[in-house]
Amino acid sequence: MLSCLTIECFFKSATKYDLPSFIEKCFDTINPGIDYIPNWHIDLIADRLQAAEKGKIKRLIINIPPRYLKSLCVNIAWSAWLLGHNPTRRVISASYSQAIATKHSLDTRLIIESNWYQKTFPETIITHDQNEKDKFITTKRGFRLATSVGGSLTGEGGDFLIIDDPHNPVNIMSRIARDAKRGFRLATSVGGSLTGEGGDFLIIDDPHNPVNIMSRI
């Protein structure tokens, strides 16, 4: 018969080394009381994310309709996963809305500060004096920074750049808004100033948007 300690070690190992299991644990943390429904597309996303983490994929585009957990998988869970396995990593996340970017940042911080995460990744600790809603820094000087599309990233450089929902569905047809997105894409294409040499660049979007950033990359 398996002991409680053996079972605990098994689940700890699963969340540390199996990204789909880690994603499920993150879902339960930020959505208490809601049932998690696993699906093949989450396993596929996790496979591509782990390839990106290992440097096998440098540019990754994920086009999935709303409510398929793409933000949870990539922007929230994977950010926490990256910092868990290497607390010196620098993650930059951008969304069309600063409010949404901040929410994703708070969800990621909630996961990192949870008891199960700290037991799994005891080396990843957020410093008390650098623990803000939009940017928190680990004791190993890694960080996660949340900003909005078109926002300033002057002086910031990251190992992983995640653009999550770059379009505002309300004003997506606005010419001004589209021009702003083109300007942001131009800034990110510079590469070195944002992601650093060899950094990973990921875009998450809804394929049904009439103006899709993927069609212009």
Protein backbone atom coordinates (compact mmCIF):
# COMPACT_ATOMS: atom_id res chain seq x y z
CA MET A 1 0.00 0.00 0.00
CA LEU A 2 1.27 3.45 -0.91
CA SER A 3 1.94 5.76 1.99
CA CYS A 4 0.69 9.35 2.13
CA LEU A 5 4.29 10.50 1.81
CA THR A 6 4.76 8.47 -1.38
CA ILE A 7 1.56 9.87 -2.89
CA GLU A 8 2.60 13.42 -1.96
CA CYS A 9 6.01 12.90 -3.59
CA PHE A 10 4.31 11.55 -6.72
CA PHE A 11 2.06 14.59 -7.14
CA LYS A 12 4.94 16.93 -6.33
CA SER A 13 7.04 15.28 -9.03
CA ALA A 14 4.14 15.49 -11.51
CA THR A 15 3.62 19.21 -11.01
CA LYS A 16 7.37 19.86 -11.22
CA TYR A 17 8.18 17.89 -14.36
CA ASP A 18 4.88 17.48 -16.22
CA LEU A 19 3.57 20.77 -17.61
CA PRO A 20 -0.04 19.59 -18.23
CA SER A 21 -0.24 18.49 -14.58
CA PHE A 22 1.22 21.84 -13.55
CA ILE A 23 -1.36 23.69 -15.66
CA GLU A 24 -4.17 21.75 -13.98
CA LYS A 25 -2.80 22.65 -10.54
CA CYS A 26 -2.61 26.32 -11.57
CA PHE A 27 -6.21 26.20 -12.80
CA ASP A 28 -7.38 24.80 -9.45
CA THR A 29 -5.44 27.53 -7.62
CA ILE A 30 -6.95 30.51 -9.43
CA ASN A 31 -10.38 28.96 -10.07
CA PRO A 32 -11.39 27.27 -6.80
CA GLY A 33 -14.69 25.42 -7.03
CA ILE A 34 -14.59 25.08 -10.83
CA ASP A 35 -13.95 21.69 -12.39
CA TYR A 36 -10.93 21.40 -14.65
CA ILE A 37 -11.60 19.60 -17.94
CA PRO A 38 -8.39 18.28 -19.55
CA ASN A 39 -8.21 18.11 -23.33
CA TRP A 40 -5.73 17.18 -26.04
CA HIS A 41 -5.20 20.80 -27.08
CA ILE A 42 -3.75 21.62 -23.64
CA ASP A 43 -1.28 18.75 -23.98
CA LEU A 44 -0.30 20.07 -27.42
CA ILE A 45 0.20 23.61 -26.11
CA ALA A 46 2.29 22.23 -23.24
CA ASP A 47 4.45 20.26 -25.67
CA ARG A 48 5.19 23.37 -27.76
CA LEU A 49 5.86 25.47 -24.66
CA GLN A 50 8.39 22.98 -23.35
CA ALA A 51 10.08 22.98 -26.75
CA ALA A 52 10.25 26.79 -26.54
CA GLU A 53 11.67 26.58 -23.03
CA LYS A 54 14.44 24.30 -24.28
CA GLY A 55 15.23 26.68 -27.17
CA LYS A 56 13.94 24.31 -29.87
CA ILE A 57 11.27 26.87 -30.83
CA LYS A 58 12.15 30.57 -30.85
CA ARG A 59 8.96 32.00 -32.38
CA LEU A 60 5.60 30.48 -31.46
CA ILE A 61 2.07 31.49 -32.50
CA ILE A 62 -0.99 30.02 -30.76
CA ASN A 63 -4.35 30.72 -32.45
CA ILE A 64 -7.24 29.39 -30.39
CA PRO A 65 -10.81 30.71 -29.84
CA PRO A 66 -11.78 32.31 -26.52
CA ARG A 67 -12.41 30.20 -23.39
CA TYR A 68 -9.92 27.47 -24.33
CA LEU A 69 -7.51 28.37 -21.48
CA LYS A 70 -4.79 29.70 -23.78
CA SER A 71 -4.03 32.63 -21.44
CA LEU A 72 -3.94 30.32 -18.42
CA CYS A 73 -1.65 27.82 -20.16
CA VAL A 74 0.84 30.30 -21.60
CA ASN A 75 0.65 33.67 -19.90
CA ILE A 76 -0.06 32.52 -16.35
CA ALA A 77 0.97 28.90 -15.79
CA TRP A 78 3.96 28.86 -18.12
CA SER A 79 5.30 32.10 -16.64
CA ALA A 80 5.20 30.50 -13.20
CA TRP A 81 6.72 27.29 -14.61
CA LEU A 82 9.62 29.17 -16.21
CA LEU A 83 10.45 31.02 -13.00
CA GLY A 84 10.05 27.82 -10.98
CA HIS A 85 12.64 25.95 -13.01
CA ASN A 86 14.94 28.95 -13.25
CA PRO A 87 14.25 31.96 -10.98
CA THR A 88 16.76 34.09 -12.92
CA ARG A 89 14.56 34.12 -16.01
CA ARG A 90 12.99 37.37 -17.19
CA VAL A 91 9.44 37.16 -18.55
CA ILE A 92 7.64 40.06 -20.23
CA SER A 93 3.91 39.83 -20.91
CA ALA A 94 1.83 42.29 -22.95
CA SER A 95 -1.92 42.47 -23.62
CA TYR A 96 -4.13 45.04 -25.35
CA SER A 97 -5.39 46.10 -21.92
CA GLN A 98 -3.24 47.00 -18.92
CA ALA A 99 -6.08 45.81 -16.67
CA ILE A 100 -6.00 42.35 -18.25
CA ALA A 101 -2.20 42.28 -18.14
CA THR A 102 -2.35 43.14 -14.43
CA LYS A 103 -4.92 40.42 -13.74
CA HIS A 104 -2.69 37.81 -15.40
CA SER A 105 0.24 39.09 -13.36
CA LEU A 106 -1.74 38.80 -10.11
CA ASP A 107 -2.85 35.27 -11.02
CA THR A 108 0.76 34.28 -11.69
CA ARG A 109 1.87 35.78 -8.39
CA LEU A 110 -0.92 33.95 -6.55
CA ILE A 111 0.40 30.67 -7.95
CA ILE A 112 4.03 31.41 -7.10
CA GLU A 113 3.13 32.35 -3.53
CA SER A 114 0.91 29.28 -3.00
CA ASN A 115 2.00 26.58 -0.57
CA TRP A 116 2.13 23.79 -3.15
CA TYR A 117 4.29 25.89 -5.52
CA GLN A 118 6.71 26.83 -2.77
CA LYS A 119 7.06 23.17 -1.82
CA THR A 120 7.68 22.29 -5.47
CA PHE A 121 10.03 25.18 -6.26
CA PRO A 122 11.55 26.34 -2.95
CA GLU A 123 14.26 28.37 -4.71
CA THR A 124 11.74 30.69 -6.39
CA ILE A 125 10.91 33.43 -3.90
CA ILE A 126 9.52 36.89 -4.67
CA THR A 127 11.39 39.69 -2.92
CA HIS A 128 9.31 41.73 -0.47
CA ASP A 129 10.60 45.08 -1.72
CA GLN A 130 10.02 44.27 -5.42
CA ASN A 131 6.57 42.73 -5.29
CA GLU A 132 4.22 44.90 -7.34
CA LYS A 133 1.04 44.11 -9.25
CA ASP A 134 2.64 44.55 -12.66
CA LYS A 135 6.19 43.51 -11.87
CA PHE A 136 7.62 41.17 -9.29
CA ILE A 137 11.25 40.15 -8.93
CA THR A 138 12.66 36.96 -7.45
CA THR A 139 15.55 36.79 -5.00
CA LYS A 140 17.61 35.47 -7.95
CA ARG A 141 16.82 38.70 -9.87
CA GLY A 142 14.49 37.08 -12.38
CA PHE A 143 11.13 38.79 -12.94
CA ARG A 144 7.75 38.88 -14.61
CA LEU A 145 6.68 42.22 -16.06
CA ALA A 146 3.15 42.99 -17.29
CA THR A 147 2.48 45.82 -19.74
CA SER A 148 -0.03 46.82 -22.39
CA VAL A 149 0.41 46.70 -26.15
CA GLY A 150 1.91 50.04 -27.05
CA GLY A 151 3.18 50.54 -23.51
CA SER A 152 6.74 51.51 -22.72
CA LEU A 153 9.40 48.87 -22.19
CA THR A 154 12.30 51.30 -22.12
CA GLY A 155 15.20 49.83 -20.21
CA GLU A 156 13.59 46.39 -19.90
CA GLY A 157 14.90 43.22 -21.51
CA GLY A 158 13.56 39.72 -21.18
CA ASP A 159 14.26 36.11 -22.04
CA PHE A 160 10.64 35.41 -22.95
CA LEU A 161 8.18 37.86 -24.53
CA ILE A 162 4.51 36.86 -24.48
CA ILE A 163 1.90 38.90 -26.36
CA ASP A 164 -1.54 37.75 -25.23
CA ASP A 165 -4.63 39.07 -27.05
CA PRO A 166 -3.04 42.10 -28.76
CA HIS A 167 -6.42 43.26 -30.14
CA ASN A 168 -9.17 45.05 -28.28
CA PRO A 169 -12.40 43.47 -29.61
CA VAL A 170 -14.26 46.77 -29.12
CA ASN A 171 -12.09 48.96 -31.36
CA ILE A 172 -10.37 46.31 -33.45
CA MET A 173 -11.58 47.92 -36.69
CA SER A 174 -10.29 51.33 -35.73
CA ARG A 175 -7.53 52.48 -38.05
CA ILE A 176 -5.81 54.29 -35.20
CA ALA A 177 -5.83 51.16 -33.09
CA ARG A 178 -4.47 49.05 -35.96
CA ASP A 179 -1.70 51.55 -36.56
CA ALA A 180 -0.78 51.40 -32.87
CA LYS A 181 -0.51 47.62 -33.09
CA ARG A 182 1.72 47.91 -36.17
CA GLY A 183 3.97 50.25 -34.21
CA PHE A 184 4.19 47.79 -31.36
CA ARG A 185 4.98 44.95 -33.77
CA LEU A 186 7.71 47.07 -35.28
CA ALA A 187 9.17 47.63 -31.81
CA THR A 188 9.11 43.93 -30.99
CA SER A 189 10.68 43.04 -34.33
CA VAL A 190 13.79 44.91 -33.24
CA GLY A 191 14.29 41.87 -31.03
CA GLY A 192 17.38 42.57 -28.98
CA SER A 193 15.97 45.46 -26.97
CA LEU A 194 12.97 43.41 -25.84
CA THR A 195 13.79 39.73 -25.77
CA GLY A 196 17.55 39.81 -25.90
CA GLU A 197 19.67 37.68 -28.18
CA GLY A 198 18.19 34.21 -28.38
CA GLY A 199 15.00 35.20 -26.54
CA ASP A 200 11.64 33.50 -27.18
CA PHE A 201 8.73 35.41 -28.74
CA LEU A 202 5.19 34.05 -28.31
CA ILE A 203 1.86 35.43 -29.55
CA ILE A 204 -1.56 34.23 -28.37
CA ASP A 205 -4.66 35.43 -30.22
CA ASP A 206 -8.20 34.64 -31.34
CA PRO A 207 -8.18 33.35 -34.97
CA HIS A 208 -11.65 34.83 -35.56
CA ASN A 209 -10.52 38.43 -35.19
CA PRO A 210 -11.15 40.30 -38.48
CA VAL A 211 -7.75 41.99 -38.13
CA ASN A 212 -5.33 39.33 -37.02
CA ILE A 213 -1.79 40.15 -36.03
CA MET A 214 -0.62 36.76 -37.29
CA SER A 215 -1.51 37.62 -40.88
CA ARG A 216 0.94 40.54 -40.77
CA ILE A 217 4.00 38.82 -39.31
